[in-house]
Structure formats: structure tokens, C-alpha cells
Amino acid sequence: MKKKVAIILGAVAIVGGLALALGAYAQNTNPPAHHEPAVSHSPIRTAMIRLREARAELESTKQDYGGHRVLAIKAIDTAIDEVRQAVQSEKNEKSEKK
């Protein structure tokens, strides 16, 4: 049970961290002159992997945790979608500059 609670808390922390990071990135009006391609952003890849792992763990458990398991899964789905959009946005910006 402690492991499942730790997974849920970890997933919530990842979602919160991604939300803060993506929000800060979106508000950056003076990005560095030398951007790496979006697909090479290892922190984003790592976050996506961890989000998917956390989602799989939560899906595999039968315990509901007072409804918080389902809410955590929805939050993870939202975070995964945001990461995908961030990567796509970066790709679109790079293709427009060419």
C-alpha cells in the first residue's frame, strides 16, 4: 500500500513539475539563440516515460484510494497531452523558421 501511495504522490509531483516547467517555458520571451531540436530534449523524454510508467502502475492496481487514483490517472493523461503539445509546438516553430 505504501508503494502505491508513493506512486500516486510521485505522479502528482511529476504533473506539477511539468506544469510549472511548461508554464515557465511558454512565458520565456527571449529564448536562447541555440535551441536543440525538441525530440532531443531528454528531460521531456524522461518525463514522458515516467508518466507512462506511473499511469500503468495506477491502472494495474485495484485499490481506488478514495477516488484519487482515477483523478491521478486523468492528471497524468493531461500531462502527457501537454508534453506532446509542447514537442509539437517546438517542431512547428522550427519548421516555420526554415
Protein backbone atom coordinates (compact mmCIF):
# COMPACT_ATOMS: atom_id res chain seq x y z
CA MET A 1 0.00 0.00 0.00
CA LYS A 2 2.83 2.41 0.80
CA LYS A 3 4.29 1.75 -2.64
CA LYS A 4 1.00 2.64 -4.36
CA VAL A 5 0.65 5.85 -2.35
CA ALA A 6 4.25 6.75 -3.22
CA ILE A 7 3.47 6.16 -6.90
CA ILE A 8 0.42 8.38 -6.75
CA LEU A 9 2.33 11.12 -4.97
CA GLY A 10 5.17 10.77 -7.47
CA ALA A 11 2.76 11.09 -10.38
CA VAL A 12 1.21 14.20 -8.88
CA ALA A 13 4.69 15.68 -8.32
CA ILE A 14 5.66 14.95 -11.93
CA VAL A 15 2.47 16.53 -13.24
CA GLY A 16 3.00 19.61 -11.06
CA GLY A 17 6.64 19.89 -12.08
CA LEU A 18 5.77 19.61 -15.75
CA ALA A 19 3.05 22.21 -15.42
CA LEU A 20 5.47 24.65 -13.81
CA ALA A 21 8.24 23.93 -16.30
CA LEU A 22 5.97 24.21 -19.34
CA GLY A 23 4.41 27.39 -17.98
CA ALA A 24 7.81 28.97 -17.43
CA TYR A 25 8.95 27.86 -20.87
CA ALA A 26 5.82 29.27 -22.53
CA GLN A 27 6.39 32.66 -20.89
CA ASN A 28 10.05 32.88 -21.93
CA THR A 29 10.05 35.71 -24.46
CA ASN A 30 13.82 35.63 -25.01
CA PRO A 31 14.71 32.00 -25.69
CA PRO A 32 18.38 31.09 -26.08
CA ALA A 33 19.77 31.54 -29.58
CA HIS A 34 20.77 27.87 -29.86
CA HIS A 35 17.77 25.60 -29.35
CA GLU A 36 18.19 21.88 -29.53
CA PRO A 37 15.54 20.04 -31.54
CA ALA A 38 12.50 19.22 -29.40
CA VAL A 39 12.89 15.49 -29.86
CA SER A 40 16.34 15.61 -28.28
CA HIS A 41 15.02 17.11 -25.04
CA SER A 42 15.93 14.25 -22.76
CA PRO A 43 14.08 15.75 -19.75
CA ILE A 44 10.86 15.72 -21.79
CA ARG A 45 11.51 12.15 -22.96
CA THR A 46 12.29 11.08 -19.41
CA ALA A 47 9.15 12.77 -18.11
CA MET A 48 7.04 11.06 -20.78
CA ILE A 49 8.48 7.65 -19.87
CA ARG A 50 7.88 8.23 -16.17
CA LEU A 51 4.36 9.49 -16.76
CA ARG A 52 3.51 6.39 -18.78
CA GLU A 53 5.04 4.13 -16.13
CA ALA A 54 3.10 5.86 -13.36
CA ARG A 55 -0.10 5.59 -15.38
CA ALA A 56 0.45 1.87 -15.94
CA GLU A 57 1.05 1.33 -12.21
CA LEU A 58 -2.12 3.18 -11.30
CA GLU A 59 -4.13 1.29 -13.93
CA SER A 60 -2.90 -2.06 -12.64
CA THR A 61 -3.95 -1.53 -9.04
CA LYS A 62 -7.46 -2.40 -7.90
CA GLN A 63 -7.48 -0.08 -4.90
CA ASP A 64 -9.36 3.19 -5.51
CA TYR A 65 -7.73 5.41 -2.83
CA GLY A 66 -10.98 7.28 -2.31
CA GLY A 67 -11.27 8.23 -5.97
CA HIS A 68 -7.80 9.78 -6.09
CA ARG A 69 -6.39 7.00 -8.28
CA VAL A 70 -8.77 7.92 -11.11
CA LEU A 71 -8.04 11.63 -10.63
CA ALA A 72 -4.30 10.94 -10.74
CA ILE A 73 -4.72 8.97 -13.98
CA LYS A 74 -6.65 11.88 -15.51
CA ALA A 75 -3.95 14.31 -14.37
CA ILE A 76 -1.28 12.10 -15.92
CA ASP A 77 -3.25 11.94 -19.18
CA THR A 78 -3.41 15.75 -19.17
CA ALA A 79 0.33 15.99 -18.52
CA ILE A 80 1.10 13.54 -21.34
CA ASP A 81 -1.05 15.61 -23.70
CA GLU A 82 0.72 18.82 -22.62
CA VAL A 83 4.15 17.26 -23.23
CA ARG A 84 3.04 16.11 -26.70
CA GLN A 85 1.76 19.59 -27.49
CA ALA A 86 4.99 21.18 -26.27
CA VAL A 87 7.06 18.92 -28.51
CA GLN A 88 4.75 19.54 -31.49
CA SER A 89 4.81 23.29 -30.88
CA GLU A 90 8.61 23.26 -30.82
CA LYS A 91 8.68 21.29 -34.07
CA ASN A 92 6.23 23.71 -35.71
CA GLU A 93 8.29 26.74 -34.63
CA LYS A 94 11.46 25.19 -36.04
CA SER A 95 9.82 24.34 -39.38
CA GLU A 96 8.45 27.91 -39.68
CA LYS A 97 11.94 29.36 -39.21
CA LYS A 98 13.33 27.38 -42.14
